[in-house]
Amino acid sequence: MIRARFLMPAMLALGLAACASAPMHYYTLVPPADATAAPATAPFQFELLPVGVPAQVDQPQLVVRQGGQGVAVLDGERWIAPLPDEVRAALSADLARALGAQDASGLPASGQPRLRIRVDLRRFDSVPGAYALVEAVWSVRSLQGGGTASCTSRLREPVGDGYAALVQGHQQALAALAAQIAGVARAAAAGGMPACPAG
């Protein structure tokens, strides 16, 4: 009985230690706000539709590649919001900065010409210490008529060690994607026949 009285607190302490989880780390793809960013001055607005992401990575956790066929779902490394929302928010911020235009998604018509942008990610590969890769199909269309450009992009950013570096690599890949889309969007807004970026 005395032994049981001493063993019970020890067993309880071991049980609590086993239940204690490792700390969670949360990440965002949205770039930091730039205090020096100029207000929207473009004579047009854009709508960025909801972004599709591959089902394999549409998880609260970061999903990373291991070798040729393996993947790991990192329970302690998570997105702060659902991955499609994170990608859309990052692209919206990058496009607004690159175009000097407002993302008018969900807002009533303002009288300004408006472009509709659709992006679907086909790949979102994460290899810690190696690279972050984004492959996308996307289109830009003027809602006032004119041509539609449907394009593909493949962007690969080298990354250092650690998951923060991996997320930063994806931020850079999405910023590069936004720059490609912005080049086509400017041509569409000017009434020209937009052409997809080379390569």
Protein backbone atom coordinates (compact mmCIF):
# COMPACT_ATOMS: atom_id res chain seq x y z
CA MET A 1 0.00 0.00 0.00
CA ILE A 2 2.79 2.38 0.88
CA ARG A 3 4.63 1.45 -2.35
CA ALA A 4 1.46 2.10 -4.36
CA ARG A 5 1.10 5.52 -2.70
CA PHE A 6 4.61 6.49 -3.86
CA LEU A 7 4.23 4.94 -7.33
CA MET A 8 0.97 6.75 -8.14
CA PRO A 9 2.44 10.32 -8.30
CA ALA A 10 5.41 9.05 -10.32
CA MET A 11 3.12 7.31 -12.81
CA LEU A 12 0.92 10.41 -13.04
CA ALA A 13 3.95 12.60 -13.75
CA LEU A 14 5.14 10.21 -16.47
CA GLY A 15 1.67 10.18 -18.01
CA LEU A 16 1.50 13.98 -18.07
CA ALA A 17 4.97 14.18 -19.62
CA ALA A 18 3.91 11.74 -22.35
CA CYS A 19 0.81 13.85 -23.09
CA ALA A 20 2.79 17.09 -23.30
CA SER A 21 3.21 17.95 -26.99
CA ALA A 22 6.04 19.71 -28.75
CA PRO A 23 5.44 23.42 -29.35
CA MET A 24 3.55 24.35 -32.52
CA HIS A 25 5.09 26.68 -35.10
CA TYR A 26 2.80 28.66 -37.43
CA TYR A 27 3.73 30.12 -40.81
CA THR A 28 2.22 32.50 -43.34
CA LEU A 29 2.87 33.00 -47.04
CA VAL A 30 1.64 36.60 -46.90
CA PRO A 31 4.57 39.00 -47.29
CA PRO A 32 5.09 41.65 -44.60
CA ALA A 33 3.24 44.91 -45.18
CA ASP A 34 5.49 47.53 -46.76
CA ALA A 35 5.02 50.81 -44.93
CA THR A 36 6.47 52.68 -47.92
CA ALA A 37 4.16 51.07 -50.49
CA ALA A 38 2.45 53.58 -52.75
CA PRO A 39 -1.36 53.70 -52.87
CA ALA A 40 -3.16 52.10 -55.82
CA THR A 41 -2.71 54.42 -58.81
CA ALA A 42 -3.43 52.12 -61.77
CA PRO A 43 -6.48 53.07 -63.86
CA PHE A 44 -7.90 49.56 -63.41
CA GLN A 45 -8.69 47.04 -60.69
CA PHE A 46 -8.36 43.27 -60.57
CA GLU A 47 -10.31 40.37 -59.11
CA LEU A 48 -8.32 37.37 -57.93
CA LEU A 49 -10.58 34.31 -57.79
CA PRO A 50 -10.14 31.62 -55.10
CA VAL A 51 -6.92 29.70 -55.72
CA GLY A 52 -6.81 25.94 -56.12
CA VAL A 53 -4.01 23.90 -54.55
CA PRO A 54 -3.14 20.20 -54.94
CA ALA A 55 -5.10 17.94 -52.60
CA GLN A 56 -1.86 16.33 -51.36
CA VAL A 57 -0.72 19.56 -49.69
CA ASP A 58 -4.13 21.00 -48.75
CA GLN A 59 -3.52 20.28 -45.06
CA PRO A 60 -3.18 22.43 -41.93
CA GLN A 61 0.37 21.03 -41.59
CA LEU A 62 3.36 21.60 -43.84
CA VAL A 63 3.79 18.63 -46.18
CA VAL A 64 7.37 18.02 -47.29
CA ARG A 65 8.95 15.61 -49.73
CA GLN A 66 11.35 12.94 -48.51
CA GLY A 67 13.29 11.19 -51.23
CA GLY A 68 11.64 10.25 -54.51
CA GLN A 69 8.28 8.96 -53.29
CA GLY A 70 8.05 9.75 -49.58
CA VAL A 71 6.30 12.65 -47.90
CA ALA A 72 6.04 13.76 -44.29
CA VAL A 73 3.16 15.66 -42.71
CA LEU A 74 4.76 17.88 -40.06
CA ASP A 75 2.34 18.02 -37.18
CA GLY A 76 4.26 20.73 -35.29
CA GLU A 77 4.72 22.98 -38.37
CA ARG A 78 1.41 24.51 -39.52
CA TRP A 79 -0.09 27.17 -41.75
CA ILE A 80 -1.84 29.96 -39.87
CA ALA A 81 -4.81 29.67 -42.30
CA PRO A 82 -5.93 27.07 -44.87
CA LEU A 83 -3.30 26.79 -47.60
CA PRO A 84 -5.60 27.96 -50.47
CA ASP A 85 -6.39 31.11 -48.45
CA GLU A 86 -2.70 31.67 -47.68
CA VAL A 87 -1.72 31.36 -51.35
CA ARG A 88 -4.54 33.65 -52.48
CA ALA A 89 -3.71 36.31 -49.86
CA ALA A 90 -0.02 36.22 -50.80
CA LEU A 91 -0.75 36.53 -54.53
CA SER A 92 -3.28 39.32 -53.91
CA ALA A 93 -0.71 41.36 -51.95
CA ASP A 94 2.04 40.70 -54.50
CA LEU A 95 -0.22 41.59 -57.45
CA ALA A 96 -1.48 44.77 -55.79
CA ARG A 97 2.13 45.87 -55.25
CA ALA A 98 3.31 44.88 -58.75
CA LEU A 99 0.36 46.48 -60.55
CA GLY A 100 -0.27 49.47 -58.31
CA ALA A 101 -3.90 48.33 -58.41
CA GLN A 102 -6.54 47.29 -55.90
CA ASP A 103 -7.84 43.74 -55.50
CA ALA A 104 -11.55 44.47 -55.88
CA SER A 105 -12.72 40.90 -55.29
CA GLY A 106 -16.17 41.00 -53.70
CA LEU A 107 -16.50 44.77 -54.12
CA PRO A 108 -19.19 46.41 -56.29
CA ALA A 109 -18.26 47.87 -59.66
CA SER A 110 -16.51 51.24 -59.34
CA GLY A 111 -16.57 52.36 -62.96
CA GLN A 112 -12.90 51.43 -63.41
CA PRO A 113 -11.96 48.68 -65.88
CA ARG A 114 -11.50 45.36 -64.13
CA LEU A 115 -9.39 42.28 -64.83
CA ARG A 116 -10.28 38.78 -63.64
CA ILE A 117 -7.36 36.59 -62.63
CA ARG A 118 -7.63 32.85 -62.02
CA VAL A 119 -4.77 30.77 -60.58
CA ASP A 120 -4.63 27.03 -59.93
CA LEU A 121 -1.51 25.46 -58.47
CA ARG A 122 -0.69 22.07 -59.97
CA ARG A 123 2.34 21.52 -57.75
CA PHE A 124 3.47 22.97 -54.43
CA ASP A 125 6.61 21.00 -53.59
CA SER A 126 8.61 21.54 -50.43
CA VAL A 127 12.05 19.99 -49.97
CA PRO A 128 13.73 21.32 -46.79
CA GLY A 129 17.29 22.47 -47.36
CA ALA A 130 16.89 22.18 -51.15
CA TYR A 131 14.04 24.01 -52.89
CA ALA A 132 10.45 25.29 -52.91
CA LEU A 133 8.62 24.72 -56.19
CA VAL A 134 5.35 26.15 -57.50
CA GLU A 135 3.74 25.09 -60.77
CA ALA A 136 0.63 26.98 -61.81
CA VAL A 137 -1.87 27.39 -64.61
CA TRP A 138 -3.40 30.86 -64.70
CA SER A 139 -5.42 33.21 -66.82
CA VAL A 140 -6.06 36.94 -67.14
CA ARG A 141 -9.22 38.31 -68.74
CA SER A 142 -10.57 41.82 -69.11
CA LEU A 143 -14.21 42.05 -68.00
CA GLN A 144 -14.68 44.82 -70.56
CA GLY A 145 -13.99 42.43 -73.45
CA GLY A 146 -10.82 41.56 -75.27
CA GLY A 147 -8.59 38.53 -75.30
CA THR A 148 -7.88 36.05 -72.53
CA ALA A 149 -4.37 34.85 -71.81
CA SER A 150 -4.07 31.33 -70.39
CA CYS A 151 -0.54 30.56 -69.24
CA THR A 152 1.58 28.15 -67.22
CA SER A 153 4.46 28.94 -64.89
CA ARG A 154 7.04 26.81 -63.08
CA LEU A 155 9.06 28.56 -60.40
CA ARG A 156 11.73 26.95 -58.25
CA GLU A 157 13.51 28.76 -55.43
CA PRO A 158 16.57 27.35 -53.61
CA VAL A 159 16.16 27.32 -49.84
CA GLY A 160 18.42 26.95 -46.83
CA ASP A 161 17.94 24.75 -43.81
CA GLY A 162 14.87 25.01 -41.62
CA TYR A 163 11.17 25.33 -42.24
CA ALA A 164 11.16 29.14 -42.04
CA ALA A 165 13.58 29.18 -45.01
CA LEU A 166 11.29 26.78 -46.86
CA VAL A 167 8.27 29.04 -46.34
CA GLN A 168 10.33 32.05 -47.41
CA GLY A 169 11.21 30.16 -50.60
CA HIS A 170 7.51 29.67 -51.33
CA GLN A 171 6.91 33.39 -50.65
CA GLN A 172 9.58 34.23 -53.24
CA ALA A 173 8.15 31.76 -55.76
CA LEU A 174 4.67 33.26 -55.37
CA ALA A 175 6.08 36.79 -55.74
CA ALA A 176 7.78 35.71 -58.98
CA LEU A 177 4.51 34.17 -60.17
CA ALA A 178 2.69 37.43 -59.38
CA ALA A 179 5.31 39.36 -61.39
CA GLN A 180 4.67 37.14 -64.43
CA ILE A 181 0.89 37.56 -64.07
CA ALA A 182 1.31 41.33 -63.65
CA GLY A 183 3.17 41.63 -66.95
CA VAL A 184 0.28 39.97 -68.78
CA ALA A 185 -2.31 41.94 -66.78
CA ARG A 186 -0.80 45.28 -67.81
CA ALA A 187 -1.07 44.34 -71.49
CA ALA A 188 -4.68 43.19 -71.01
CA ALA A 189 -5.59 46.40 -69.18
CA ALA A 190 -4.08 48.46 -72.01
CA GLY A 191 -6.35 46.69 -74.49
CA GLY A 192 -3.58 44.71 -76.16
CA MET A 193 -3.55 41.00 -76.90
CA PRO A 194 -1.66 39.65 -73.89
CA ALA A 195 1.05 37.04 -74.48
CA CYS A 196 2.29 34.57 -71.91
CA PRO A 197 5.77 35.11 -70.46
CA ALA A 198 8.54 33.19 -72.20
CA GLY A 199 9.75 30.08 -70.45
